[in-house]
Each structure stands twice: as C-alpha cells, then as structure tokens.
C-alpha atoms as a PDB file:
ATOM      1  CA  MET A   1      92.301 314.716  63.465  1.00  0.00           C
ATOM      2  CA  ALA A   2      93.582 315.240  59.889  1.00  0.00           C
ATOM      3  CA  ALA A   3      91.156 312.595  58.563  1.00  0.00           C
ATOM      4  CA  SER A   4      88.280 314.217  60.375  1.00  0.00           C
ATOM      5  CA  LEU A   5      89.166 317.678  58.941  1.00  0.00           C
ATOM      6  CA  LEU A   6      89.486 316.184  55.463  1.00  0.00           C
ATOM      7  CA  VAL A   7      86.052 314.569  55.511  1.00  0.00           C
ATOM      8  CA  THR A   8      84.460 317.696  56.965  1.00  0.00           C
ATOM      9  CA  ASN A   9      85.949 319.850  54.275  1.00  0.00           C
ATOM     10  CA  ILE A  10      84.948 317.498  51.453  1.00  0.00           C
ATOM     11  CA  THR A  11      81.381 317.160  52.602  1.00  0.00           C
ATOM     12  CA  GLN A  12      81.012 320.945  53.158  1.00  0.00           C
ATOM     13  CA  GLU A  13      82.437 321.681  49.723  1.00  0.00           C
ATOM     14  CA  TRP A  14      80.027 319.116  48.283  1.00  0.00           C
ATOM     15  CA  MET A  15      77.078 320.818  49.972  1.00  0.00           C
ATOM     16  CA  ASP A  16      78.241 324.231  48.729  1.00  0.00           C
ATOM     17  CA  SER A  17      78.397 322.924  45.111  1.00  0.00           C
ATOM     18  CA  LEU A  18      74.908 321.418  45.418  1.00  0.00           C
ATOM     19  CA  GLN A  19      73.534 324.743  46.557  1.00  0.00           C
ATOM     20  CA  ARG A  20      75.469 326.805  44.067  1.00  0.00           C
ATOM     21  CA  TRP A  21      74.186 324.799  41.090  1.00  0.00           C
ATOM     22  CA  HIS A  22      70.727 324.261  42.673  1.00  0.00           C
ATOM     23  CA  LEU A  23      71.102 320.544  42.218  1.00  0.00           C
ATOM     24  CA  GLU A  24      68.558 319.976  44.999  1.00  0.00           C
ATOM     25  CA  PHE A  25      65.901 320.191  42.300  1.00  0.00           C
ATOM     26  CA  PHE A  26      67.011 316.709  41.232  1.00  0.00           C
ATOM     27  CA  PHE A  27      65.333 315.607  44.447  1.00  0.00           C
ATOM     28  CA  ILE A  28      61.826 316.162  42.960  1.00  0.00           C
ATOM     29  CA  PRO A  29      61.943 313.626  40.116  1.00  0.00           C
ATOM     30  CA  THR A  30      63.976 311.310  42.303  1.00  0.00           C
ATOM     31  CA  ALA A  31      61.272 311.278  44.986  1.00  0.00           C
ATOM     32  CA  VAL A  32      58.489 310.799  42.442  1.00  0.00           C
ATOM     33  CA  VAL A  33      60.204 307.871  40.674  1.00  0.00           C
ATOM     34  CA  THR A  34      61.216 306.290  43.976  1.00  0.00           C
ATOM     35  CA  LEU A  35      57.737 306.496  45.504  1.00  0.00           C
ATOM     36  CA  ALA A  36      56.058 305.202  42.326  1.00  0.00           C
ATOM     37  CA  THR A  37      58.437 302.229  42.254  1.00  0.00           C
ATOM     38  CA  LEU A  38      57.991 301.601  45.974  1.00  0.00           C
ATOM     39  CA  LEU A  39      54.236 301.345  45.326  1.00  0.00           C
ATOM     40  CA  ILE A  40      54.440 298.677  42.583  1.00  0.00           C
ATOM     41  CA  ASN A  41      57.388 296.575  43.841  1.00  0.00           C
ATOM     42  CA  PRO A  42      55.741 295.396  47.094  1.00  0.00           C
ATOM     43  CA  VAL A  43      52.581 294.522  45.179  1.00  0.00           C
ATOM     44  CA  LEU A  44      54.515 292.335  42.753  1.00  0.00           C
ATOM     45  CA  LEU A  45      56.443 290.831  45.612  1.00  0.00           C
ATOM     46  CA  THR A  46      53.190 289.937  47.329  1.00  0.00           C
ATOM     47  CA  CYS A  47      51.875 288.343  44.182  1.00  0.00           C
ATOM     48  CA  ILE A  48      54.926 286.108  43.967  1.00  0.00           C
ATOM     49  CA  CYS A  49      54.990 285.225  47.641  1.00  0.00           C
ATOM     50  CA  ARG A  50      51.281 284.405  47.940  1.00  0.00           C
ATOM     51  CA  SER A  51      51.286 282.005  44.953  1.00  0.00           C
ATOM     52  CA  ARG A  52      52.664 278.574  45.709  1.00  0.00           C
ATOM     53  CA  ALA A  53      53.215 277.890  41.992  1.00  0.00           C
ATOM     54  CA  LEU A  54      55.332 281.025  41.552  1.00  0.00           C
ATOM     55  CA  ARG A  55      57.312 280.279  44.701  1.00  0.00           C
ATOM     56  CA  GLN A  56      58.305 276.922  43.172  1.00  0.00           C
ATOM     57  CA  GLU A  57      59.811 278.578  40.043  1.00  0.00           C
ATOM     58  CA  THR A  58      63.441 279.657  40.202  1.00  0.00           C
ATOM     59  CA  ARG A  59      62.938 282.584  37.815  1.00  0.00           C
ATOM     60  CA  TYR A  60      60.224 284.118  39.993  1.00  0.00           C
ATOM     61  CA  LEU A  61      62.326 283.633  43.120  1.00  0.00           C
ATOM     62  CA  LEU A  62      65.083 285.561  41.344  1.00  0.00           C
ATOM     63  CA  VAL A  63      62.634 288.282  40.335  1.00  0.00           C
ATOM     64  CA  ALA A  64      61.426 288.503  43.967  1.00  0.00           C
ATOM     65  CA  ASN A  65      65.015 288.833  45.207  1.00  0.00           C
ATOM     66  CA  THR A  66      65.676 291.622  42.689  1.00  0.00           C
ATOM     67  CA  LEU A  67      62.577 293.424  43.906  1.00  0.00           C
ATOM     68  CA  ILE A  68      63.708 293.082  47.518  1.00  0.00           C
ATOM     69  CA  ALA A  69      67.160 294.418  46.712  1.00  0.00           C
ATOM     70  CA  ASP A  70      65.689 297.341  44.734  1.00  0.00           C
ATOM     71  CA  ILE A  71      63.201 298.206  47.526  1.00  0.00           C
ATOM     72  CA  LEU A  72      66.101 298.306  50.061  1.00  0.00           C
ATOM     73  CA  PHE A  73      68.239 300.389  47.745  1.00  0.00           C
ATOM     74  CA  LEU A  74      65.460 302.884  47.005  1.00  0.00           C
ATOM     75  CA  ILE A  75      64.615 303.333  50.709  1.00  0.00           C
ATOM     76  CA  LEU A  76      68.251 303.910  51.660  1.00  0.00           C
ATOM     77  CA  ASN A  77      68.844 306.211  48.683  1.00  0.00           C
ATOM     78  CA  LEU A  78      65.735 308.306  49.328  1.00  0.00           C
ATOM     79  CA  THR A  79      66.411 308.505  53.071  1.00  0.00           C
ATOM     80  CA  THR A  80      69.940 309.709  52.468  1.00  0.00           C
ATOM     81  CA  MET A  81      68.781 312.311  49.935  1.00  0.00           C
ATOM     82  CA  VAL A  82      66.097 313.579  52.336  1.00  0.00           C
ATOM     83  CA  CYS A  83      68.709 313.934  55.114  1.00  0.00           C
ATOM     84  CA  ASN A  84      71.084 315.731  52.807  1.00  0.00           C
ATOM     85  CA  HIS A  85      68.298 317.987  51.497  1.00  0.00           C
ATOM     86  CA  LEU A  86      67.213 318.900  55.004  1.00  0.00           C
ATOM     87  CA  LYS A  87      70.845 319.340  56.031  1.00  0.00           C
ATOM     88  CA  VAL A  88      70.615 316.754  58.760  1.00  0.00           C
ATOM     89  CA  GLN A  89      73.970 316.152  60.426  1.00  0.00           C
ATOM     90  CA  MET A  90      74.748 312.410  60.414  1.00  0.00           C
ATOM     91  CA  PRO A  91      77.419 310.604  62.434  1.00  0.00           C
ATOM     92  CA  TRP A  92      80.182 309.376  60.208  1.00  0.00           C
ATOM     93  CA  LEU A  93      79.941 305.774  61.397  1.00  0.00           C
ATOM     94  CA  LEU A  94      76.207 305.746  60.671  1.00  0.00           C
ATOM     95  CA  CYS A  95      76.909 307.172  57.208  1.00  0.00           C
ATOM     96  CA  GLU A  96      79.379 304.340  56.588  1.00  0.00           C
ATOM     97  CA  LEU A  97      76.848 301.696  57.666  1.00  0.00           C
ATOM     98  CA  VAL A  98      74.241 303.217  55.364  1.00  0.00           C
ATOM     99  CA  THR A  99      76.840 303.230  52.569  1.00  0.00           C
ATOM    100  CA  ALA A 100      77.664 299.538  53.186  1.00  0.00           C
ATOM    101  CA  ALA A 101      73.951 298.615  53.139  1.00  0.00           C
ATOM    102  CA  THR A 102      73.436 300.627  49.930  1.00  0.00           C
ATOM    103  CA  VAL A 103      76.347 298.927  48.192  1.00  0.00           C
ATOM    104  CA  THR A 104      75.112 295.539  49.431  1.00  0.00           C
ATOM    105  CA  SER A 105      71.621 296.053  48.003  1.00  0.00           C
ATOM    106  CA  TYR A 106      73.002 297.311  44.683  1.00  0.00           C
ATOM    107  CA  CYS A 107      75.444 294.453  44.295  1.00  0.00           C
ATOM    108  CA  SER A 108      72.793 291.908  45.286  1.00  0.00           C
ATOM    109  CA  ALA A 109      70.566 293.210  42.460  1.00  0.00           C
ATOM    110  CA  ILE A 110      73.472 292.949  39.958  1.00  0.00           C
ATOM    111  CA  LEU A 111      74.309 289.400  41.049  1.00  0.00           C
ATOM    112  CA  THR A 112      70.628 288.396  40.892  1.00  0.00           C
ATOM    113  CA  VAL A 113      70.022 289.718  37.343  1.00  0.00           C
ATOM    114  CA  THR A 114      73.199 287.875  36.330  1.00  0.00           C
ATOM    115  CA  LEU A 115      71.734 284.700  37.776  1.00  0.00           C
ATOM    116  CA  MET A 116      68.543 285.353  35.824  1.00  0.00           C
ATOM    117  CA  VAL A 117      70.499 285.030  32.578  1.00  0.00           C
ATOM    118  CA  VAL A 118      72.236 281.886  33.857  1.00  0.00           C
ATOM    119  CA  ASP A 119      68.850 280.486  34.850  1.00  0.00           C
ATOM    120  CA  THR A 120      67.433 281.150  31.356  1.00  0.00           C
ATOM    121  CA  TYR A 121      70.449 279.483  29.773  1.00  0.00           C
ATOM    122  CA  ALA A 122      70.041 276.425  32.053  1.00  0.00           C
ATOM    123  CA  ALA A 123      66.348 276.158  31.252  1.00  0.00           C
ATOM    124  CA  VAL A 124      66.997 276.245  27.504  1.00  0.00           C
ATOM    125  CA  ARG A 125      70.168 274.138  27.535  1.00  0.00           C
ATOM    126  CA  TRP A 126      68.899 271.344  29.847  1.00  0.00           C
ATOM    127  CA  PRO A 127      65.065 271.533  29.697  1.00  0.00           C
ATOM    128  CA  LEU A 128      64.458 267.998  30.993  1.00  0.00           C
ATOM    129  CA  ARG A 129      66.960 268.282  33.895  1.00  0.00           C
ATOM    130  CA  TYR A 130      66.247 271.933  34.725  1.00  0.00           C
ATOM    131  CA  HIS A 131      63.950 271.385  37.694  1.00  0.00           C
ATOM    132  CA  ALA A 132      66.239 268.738  39.080  1.00  0.00           C
ATOM    133  CA  LEU A 133      69.265 271.051  38.778  1.00  0.00           C
ATOM    134  CA  LEU A 134      67.579 274.054  40.387  1.00  0.00           C
ATOM    135  CA  PRO A 135      64.945 273.038  42.916  1.00  0.00           C
ATOM    136  CA  PRO A 136      63.424 275.823  45.099  1.00  0.00           C
ATOM    137  CA  SER A 137      65.417 274.752  48.217  1.00  0.00           C
ATOM    138  CA  PHE A 138      68.661 275.057  46.278  1.00  0.00           C
ATOM    139  CA  THR A 139      67.614 278.440  44.887  1.00  0.00           C
ATOM    140  CA  HIS A 140      66.940 279.697  48.409  1.00  0.00           C
ATOM    141  CA  ARG A 141      70.489 278.750  49.434  1.00  0.00           C
ATOM    142  CA  ILE A 142      71.878 280.452  46.339  1.00  0.00           C
ATOM    143  CA  LEU A 143      69.991 283.682  47.089  1.00  0.00           C
ATOM    144  CA  ALA A 144      71.211 283.595  50.677  1.00  0.00           C
ATOM    145  CA  GLY A 145      74.744 283.224  49.358  1.00  0.00           C
ATOM    146  CA  VAL A 146      74.156 286.179  47.033  1.00  0.00           C
ATOM    147  CA  TRP A 147      73.335 288.475  49.973  1.00  0.00           C
ATOM    148  CA  VAL A 148      76.313 287.213  52.010  1.00  0.00           C
ATOM    149  CA  LEU A 149      78.649 287.680  49.019  1.00  0.00           C
ATOM    150  CA  ALA A 150      77.305 291.176  48.390  1.00  0.00           C
ATOM    151  CA  ALA A 151      77.628 292.180  52.046  1.00  0.00           C
ATOM    152  CA  VAL A 152      81.003 290.712  52.973  1.00  0.00           C
ATOM    153  CA  TYR A 153      83.292 293.251  51.408  1.00  0.00           C
ATOM    154  CA  PRO A 154      81.544 296.581  52.220  1.00  0.00           C
ATOM    155  CA  PHE A 155      80.857 295.605  55.866  1.00  0.00           C
ATOM    156  CA  THR A 156      84.357 294.194  56.189  1.00  0.00           C
ATOM    157  CA  LEU A 157      85.743 297.584  55.166  1.00  0.00           C
ATOM    158  CA  VAL A 158      83.624 299.309  57.805  1.00  0.00           C
ATOM    159  CA  ILE A 159      84.761 296.897  60.538  1.00  0.00           C
ATOM    160  CA  MET A 160      88.411 297.120  59.430  1.00  0.00           C
ATOM    161  CA  MET A 161      88.495 300.891  59.249  1.00  0.00           C
ATOM    162  CA  GLU A 162      86.686 301.225  62.602  1.00  0.00           C
ATOM    163  CA  SER A 163      89.051 298.813  64.310  1.00  0.00           C
ATOM    164  CA  GLU A 164      92.016 300.823  63.018  1.00  0.00           C
ATOM    165  CA  GLU A 165      90.378 304.029  64.219  1.00  0.00           C
ATOM    166  CA  LEU A 166      90.693 305.681  60.843  1.00  0.00           C
ATOM    167  CA  TYR A 167      87.149 307.066  60.813  1.00  0.00           C
ATOM    168  CA  PRO A 168      86.481 310.586  62.055  1.00  0.00           C
ATOM    169  CA  HIS A 169      84.048 310.206  64.937  1.00  0.00           C
ATOM    170  CA  GLU A 170      81.885 313.228  64.252  1.00  0.00           C
ATOM    171  CA  GLU A 171      78.919 314.333  62.184  1.00  0.00           C
ATOM    172  CA  VAL A 172      79.159 315.140  58.518  1.00  0.00           C
ATOM    173  CA  ALA A 173      77.206 317.750  56.469  1.00  0.00           C
ATOM    174  CA  VAL A 174      76.325 315.342  53.683  1.00  0.00           C
ATOM    175  CA  CYS A 175      76.301 311.523  53.476  1.00  0.00           C
ATOM    176  CA  LEU A 176      77.125 310.144  50.027  1.00  0.00           C
ATOM    177  CA  VAL A 177      78.307 306.761  48.925  1.00  0.00           C
ATOM    178  CA  LEU A 178      80.972 308.348  46.744  1.00  0.00           C
ATOM    179  CA  VAL A 179      82.372 310.451  49.586  1.00  0.00           C
ATOM    180  CA  SER A 180      82.356 307.507  52.001  1.00  0.00           C
ATOM    181  CA  LEU A 181      83.980 305.044  49.622  1.00  0.00           C
ATOM    182  CA  GLY A 182      86.240 307.668  48.221  1.00  0.00           C
ATOM    183  CA  PHE A 183      87.638 308.304  51.694  1.00  0.00           C
ATOM    184  CA  ILE A 184      88.026 304.533  52.268  1.00  0.00           C
ATOM    185  CA  GLN A 185      89.679 304.174  48.900  1.00  0.00           C
ATOM    186  CA  VAL A 186      92.694 306.194  50.119  1.00  0.00           C
ATOM    187  CA  GLN A 187      93.451 303.250  52.436  1.00  0.00           C
ATOM    188  CA  ASN A 188      92.206 300.408  50.183  1.00  0.00           C
ATOM    189  CA  ILE A 189      92.468 301.718  46.638  1.00  0.00           C
ATOM    190  CA  VAL A 190      93.252 298.342  45.010  1.00  0.00           C
ATOM    191  CA  GLY A 191      90.574 296.430  46.845  1.00  0.00           C
ATOM    192  CA  VAL A 192      87.783 298.951  46.111  1.00  0.00           C
ATOM    193  CA  HIS A 193      88.550 298.985  42.371  1.00  0.00           C
ATOM    194  CA  ILE A 194      88.822 295.207  42.188  1.00  0.00           C
ATOM    195  CA  TYR A 195      85.499 294.805  44.017  1.00  0.00           C
ATOM    196  CA  PHE A 196      83.566 297.138  41.711  1.00  0.00           C
ATOM    197  CA  PHE A 197      85.192 296.906  38.355  1.00  0.00           C
ATOM    198  CA  ILE A 198      86.452 293.348  38.232  1.00  0.00           C
ATOM    199  CA  ALA A 199      83.258 291.939  39.756  1.00  0.00           C
ATOM    200  CA  ALA A 200      81.126 293.908  37.295  1.00  0.00           C
ATOM    201  CA  LEU A 201      83.331 292.798  34.408  1.00  0.00           C
ATOM    202  CA  LEU A 202      83.030 289.113  35.416  1.00  0.00           C
ATOM    203  CA  CYS A 203      79.273 289.346  35.621  1.00  0.00           C
ATOM    204  CA  ALA A 204      79.106 291.069  32.217  1.00  0.00           C
ATOM    205  CA  LEU A 205      81.301 288.418  30.600  1.00  0.00           C
ATOM    206  CA  LEU A 206      79.166 285.667  32.131  1.00  0.00           C
ATOM    207  CA  ILE A 207      76.014 287.280  30.731  1.00  0.00           C
ATOM    208  CA  LEU A 208      77.533 287.704  27.266  1.00  0.00           C
ATOM    209  CA  TYR A 209      78.618 284.062  27.291  1.00  0.00           C
ATOM    210  CA  CYS A 210      75.215 282.800  28.250  1.00  0.00           C
ATOM    211  CA  TYR A 211      73.450 284.889  25.634  1.00  0.00           C
ATOM    212  CA  PHE A 212      75.924 283.729  22.958  1.00  0.00           C
ATOM    213  CA  ARG A 213      75.354 280.111  23.904  1.00  0.00           C
ATOM    214  CA  LEU A 214      71.598 280.667  23.968  1.00  0.00           C
ATOM    215  CA  TYR A 215      71.736 281.940  20.415  1.00  0.00           C
ATOM    216  CA  MET A 216      73.892 279.111  19.225  1.00  0.00           C
ATOM    217  CA  VAL A 217      71.573 276.514  20.819  1.00  0.00           C
ATOM    218  CA  THR A 218      68.324 278.082  19.526  1.00  0.00           C
ATOM    219  CA  ARG A 219      69.352 279.517  16.139  1.00  0.00           C
ATOM    220  CA  THR A 220      68.092 276.408  14.253  1.00  0.00           C
ATOM    221  CA  HIS A 221      64.675 276.465  16.028  1.00  0.00           C
ATOM    222  CA  GLY A 222      63.263 279.278  13.913  1.00  0.00           C
ATOM    223  CA  ILE A 223      62.453 281.597  16.861  1.00  0.00           C
ATOM    224  CA  TRP A 224      64.730 284.374  15.534  1.00  0.00           C
ATOM    225  CA  GLN A 225      63.243 284.505  12.017  1.00  0.00           C
ATOM    226  CA  THR A 226      60.634 287.218  12.476  1.00  0.00           C
ATOM    227  CA  ARG A 227      61.604 290.730  13.468  1.00  0.00           C
ATOM    228  CA  PHE A 228      59.129 290.966  16.319  1.00  0.00           C
ATOM    229  CA  SER A 229      59.374 287.384  17.581  1.00  0.00           C
ATOM    230  CA  ARG A 230      58.952 286.739  21.313  1.00  0.00           C
ATOM    231  CA  ALA A 231      62.559 285.616  21.556  1.00  0.00           C
ATOM    232  CA  ARG A 232      63.811 288.923  20.059  1.00  0.00           C
ATOM    233  CA  MET A 233      61.569 290.982  22.272  1.00  0.00           C
ATOM    234  CA  THR A 234      62.655 289.066  25.357  1.00  0.00           C
ATOM    235  CA  LEU A 235      66.316 289.470  24.457  1.00  0.00           C
ATOM    236  CA  LEU A 236      65.770 293.175  23.830  1.00  0.00           C
ATOM    237  CA  ALA A 237      63.949 293.671  27.160  1.00  0.00           C
ATOM    238  CA  HIS A 238      66.540 291.729  29.127  1.00  0.00           C
ATOM    239  CA  GLY A 239      69.441 293.439  27.372  1.00  0.00           C
ATOM    240  CA  LEU A 240      67.966 296.853  28.002  1.00  0.00           C
ATOM    241  CA  LEU A 241      67.455 296.186  31.722  1.00  0.00           C
ATOM    242  CA  LEU A 242      70.919 294.664  32.105  1.00  0.00           C
ATOM    243  CA  LEU A 243      72.452 297.736  30.459  1.00  0.00           C
ATOM    244  CA  LEU A 244      70.517 299.992  32.813  1.00  0.00           C
ATOM    245  CA  TYR A 245      71.684 297.984  35.861  1.00  0.00           C
ATOM    246  CA  PHE A 246      75.352 297.873  34.899  1.00  0.00           C
ATOM    247  CA  THR A 247      75.862 301.414  33.514  1.00  0.00           C
ATOM    248  CA  PRO A 248      75.537 303.180  36.912  1.00  0.00           C
ATOM    249  CA  GLY A 249      78.086 300.820  38.373  1.00  0.00           C
ATOM    250  CA  PHE A 250      80.677 301.609  35.731  1.00  0.00           C
ATOM    251  CA  ILE A 251      79.940 305.307  36.094  1.00  0.00           C
ATOM    252  CA  PHE A 252      80.439 304.971  39.828  1.00  0.00           C
ATOM    253  CA  THR A 253      83.809 303.328  39.243  1.00  0.00           C
ATOM    254  CA  LEU A 254      84.720 306.353  37.152  1.00  0.00           C
ATOM    255  CA  GLU A 255      83.565 308.580  39.994  1.00  0.00           C
ATOM    256  CA  LEU A 256      85.899 306.830  42.434  1.00  0.00           C
ATOM    257  CA  PHE A 257      88.784 307.346  39.980  1.00  0.00           C
ATOM    258  CA  LEU A 258      87.977 311.083  39.584  1.00  0.00           C
ATOM    259  CA  PHE A 259      87.568 311.484  43.330  1.00  0.00           C
ATOM    260  CA  GLN A 260      91.324 311.069  43.768  1.00  0.00           C
ATOM    261  CA  LYS A 261      92.258 313.526  41.003  1.00  0.00           C
ATOM    262  CA  ASP A 262      93.062 317.016  42.297  1.00  0.00           C
ATOM    263  CA  ASP A 263      93.072 318.470  38.775  1.00  0.00           C
ATOM    264  CA  ILE A 264      89.401 317.589  38.205  1.00  0.00           C
ATOM    265  CA  SER A 265      86.931 320.329  39.050  1.00  0.00           C
ATOM    266  CA  HIS A 266      84.923 319.617  42.171  1.00  0.00           C
ATOM    267  CA  ASP A 267      81.766 320.837  40.460  1.00  0.00           C
ATOM    268  CA  VAL A 268      82.276 318.230  37.730  1.00  0.00           C
ATOM    269  CA  GLN A 269      82.424 315.459  40.334  1.00  0.00           C
ATOM    270  CA  VAL A 270      79.271 316.760  42.017  1.00  0.00           C
ATOM    271  CA  TRP A 271      77.390 316.911  38.715  1.00  0.00           C
ATOM    272  CA  ILE A 272      78.371 313.402  37.657  1.00  0.00           C
ATOM    273  CA  SER A 273      77.516 311.931  41.056  1.00  0.00           C
ATOM    274  CA  THR A 274      74.173 313.721  41.268  1.00  0.00           C
ATOM    275  CA  VAL A 275      73.074 312.679  37.770  1.00  0.00           C
ATOM    276  CA  ASN A 276      74.186 309.085  38.407  1.00  0.00           C
ATOM    277  CA  MET A 277      72.449 308.748  41.775  1.00  0.00           C
ATOM    278  CA  CYS A 278      69.275 310.679  40.862  1.00  0.00           C
ATOM    279  CA  GLY A 279      68.989 309.402  37.318  1.00  0.00           C
ATOM    280  CA  PHE A 280      70.898 306.350  36.095  1.00  0.00           C
ATOM    281  CA  MET A 281      70.572 304.509  39.441  1.00  0.00           C
ATOM    282  CA  LEU A 282      66.810 304.865  39.395  1.00  0.00           C
ATOM    283  CA  LEU A 283      66.185 303.919  35.754  1.00  0.00           C
ATOM    284  CA  PRO A 284      66.599 300.125  36.098  1.00  0.00           C
ATOM    285  CA  ARG A 285      64.560 300.099  39.278  1.00  0.00           C
ATOM    286  CA  ALA A 286      61.753 302.014  37.552  1.00  0.00           C
ATOM    287  CA  PHE A 287      61.676 299.651  34.505  1.00  0.00           C
ATOM    288  CA  ALA A 288      62.344 296.374  36.357  1.00  0.00           C
ATOM    289  CA  PRO A 289      58.717 295.898  37.602  1.00  0.00           C
ATOM    290  CA  TYR A 290      57.463 296.066  34.000  1.00  0.00           C
ATOM    291  CA  LEU A 291      60.259 294.249  32.164  1.00  0.00           C
ATOM    292  CA  TYR A 292      60.804 291.493  34.730  1.00  0.00           C
ATOM    293  CA  GLY A 293      57.530 291.516  36.623  1.00  0.00           C
ATOM    294  CA  LEU A 294      54.392 292.439  34.768  1.00  0.00           C
ATOM    295  CA  ARG A 295      55.827 291.045  31.525  1.00  0.00           C
ATOM    296  CA  TYR A 296      55.517 287.511  32.949  1.00  0.00           C
ATOM    297  CA  ARG A 297      51.990 286.248  32.328  1.00  0.00           C
ATOM    298  CA  GLU A 298      51.820 284.297  35.557  1.00  0.00           C
ATOM    299  CA  VAL A 299      52.697 287.410  37.623  1.00  0.00           C
ATOM    300  CA  SER A 300      50.175 289.503  35.708  1.00  0.00           C
ATOM    301  CA  ASP A 301      47.453 286.881  36.317  1.00  0.00           C
ATOM    302  CA  SER A 302      48.321 286.759  40.030  1.00  0.00           C
ATOM    303  CA  LEU A 303      48.126 290.547  40.189  1.00  0.00           C
ATOM    304  CA  LEU A 304      44.745 290.580  38.525  1.00  0.00           C
ATOM    305  CA  GLN A 305      43.463 287.969  40.964  1.00  0.00           C
ATOM    306  CA  LEU A 306      44.745 289.986  43.899  1.00  0.00           C
ATOM    307  CA  LEU A 307      43.047 293.181  42.577  1.00  0.00           C
ATOM    308  CA  HIS A 308      39.831 291.290  41.862  1.00  0.00           C
ATOM    309  CA  ARG A 309      39.700 289.900  45.405  1.00  0.00           C
ATOM    310  CA  ARG A 310      40.122 293.327  46.883  1.00  0.00           C
ATOM    311  CA  THR A 311      37.577 294.888  44.530  1.00  0.00           C
ATOM    312  CA  THR A 312      34.860 292.264  45.043  1.00  0.00           C
ATOM    313  CA  PRO A 313      34.348 292.868  48.839  1.00  0.00           C
ATOM    314  CA  ASN A 314      34.129 296.591  48.177  1.00  0.00           C
ATOM    315  CA  GLN A 315      31.480 296.070  45.512  1.00  0.00           C
ATOM    316  CA  VAL A 316      29.518 293.840  47.861  1.00  0.00           C
ATOM    317  CA  MET A 317      29.606 296.490  50.634  1.00  0.00           C
ATOM    318  CA  LEU A 318      28.475 299.199  48.221  1.00  0.00           C
ATOM    319  CA  SER A 319      25.608 297.080  46.923  1.00  0.00           C
END
C-alpha cells in the first residue's frame, strides 16, 4: 500500500510540474523528429534487406540492427509521450513492461554501435581473414546475442519485482522510464547503477581502444595526412554519432542518482528528464540514417534503385 501511494504521488507531482512549466510543448519537436526518422529508417532497412550483397556484409547487418533498435525505441518513446500528453491512465505493470522494452532497444543500439567499431577494427587489422572471421551466419548469432544480453536484466527486474509483489497494481498518471527505474532502484540500487554505468563505461573503453589501435595500424599509410581525408571524415562522423548515443545514457545515470536525493528540486529533475528524453535521446536516431546509412555508397545506390523502380511504373502509367 505504501509503495502504491509513493508511485502515485511521484507520478502526480511529475505531471503537475510538466503542466506548470508547460513542458508539453517539447512534444511538438519530438513528434516531428520521430516521425521524420520513422519515415527514413524503414526505407533504409528495406534497401539493406532486399540486397543480397548488403545482407552478406557484416557492417550492413550491424547498421540494419541499429535501425531496428532505433525504430523500436522511437515507437515506444512516442507512444509513451502521447499517452502522457493525453493523460491516459496506464497500469503500472504495463508501464514497467514498456520501460523494459525501451531500455532493451536503447541498450541494443549501444551494443551494436560498439560492435560497429570492433568490426571496423577487425576489417583493417585482419583484411585477408576478415570474411572468414565474421561470416553472415556468425553475425546473425552475435546480433541475436546482443538482443538477449540487452533484454535479460530489465525483464529480469520486472519478473523479480512482480514475483515479490513489490509493484503497486494500479494505474499511474504518467509512465516514464526514470520513474519506473527510479522506483525499482530503491530495491536494486547497486544492480541498476552497475548495469547502466559500468556497461556504458566498458563499451566506451572498448571503442577508445579500437580507435587507438586503428590509428596505430594506419598512421604510416598516409590516410591521415590531409585535413579533409576520407579517414578523418569517417572518424569524425563515427565519433560524433557515438557521442550522441552515449551522452543520453550517462545523463540518465545522473537522473537515477538525483531521483534518490530529497534535497534536489523536483522541477530540476523534471526539466533534466524532459530535455534528455525529448532532445538528447532523439539526436543520435535523427543523425544515424545519414551518418551510418546514406553515407555508405552501396546503401545510397540501393536506395536510388528502389526509388527508380517505383518511379518508372508511375511514369509509364502517366504516359
């Protein structure tokens, strides 16, 4: 009963702060960016899936998995925001399941972009053995393992908390990942911080190591001599996107820490969470189709062929 009252009070206070500061206006740019990204991502995913050559390349399979994870995240995020904006009462257990699915999709994207860097390092470090080391069948198993690894902890928390009957079985005024995990964190504070912070730190260290080794291996090849060389531009694009993917995760870890502090203003927590979810979380997913999708020549060519095939029948019908 006490847990139920606590969650009800927190969600109601959260909704009051959103209305007091008129933060619902953040919904407009969020919806625009989300819908625009949801238009281009499935098209790029179709281009990769319909091309046998692209399906045989590990890097394009990783790009496709990132697009899938981003699509799932954007749909869940937009659906949650619409429900909150319309003040739809959601059962707490359903909110927790949505939270677990959202965390899974976000973590899957982080793990996949980390594997992209490892894949680039392997291709440069062992060019002759690369295709033997990472055949498509092995890549498929790796991607399946990524989704399992990303889903195990959040869904385990839901099952564990439900079995212990620590969830309030009633509807909540607002469903937010921070509120859901913040409430779980009271019971599993060490595990939640280890999952988010330590996992993100390990991925970041692995990425830095691979980039450092890439530079050491290729520094004598002359590809870094010119200021606007392809290698520099590729490193800049990848580095920017990786920064955009990891920054919201570290901010969210800070949010979880502040959630337990009584001396922190509730309005501050609402502002940070809203800006992170409506801004920083969307930036990498808005840039990813262009930095990891359209930037690849093979994907661009496949997209042009797809558009040409759809345009040609229409031209024939008009003529």
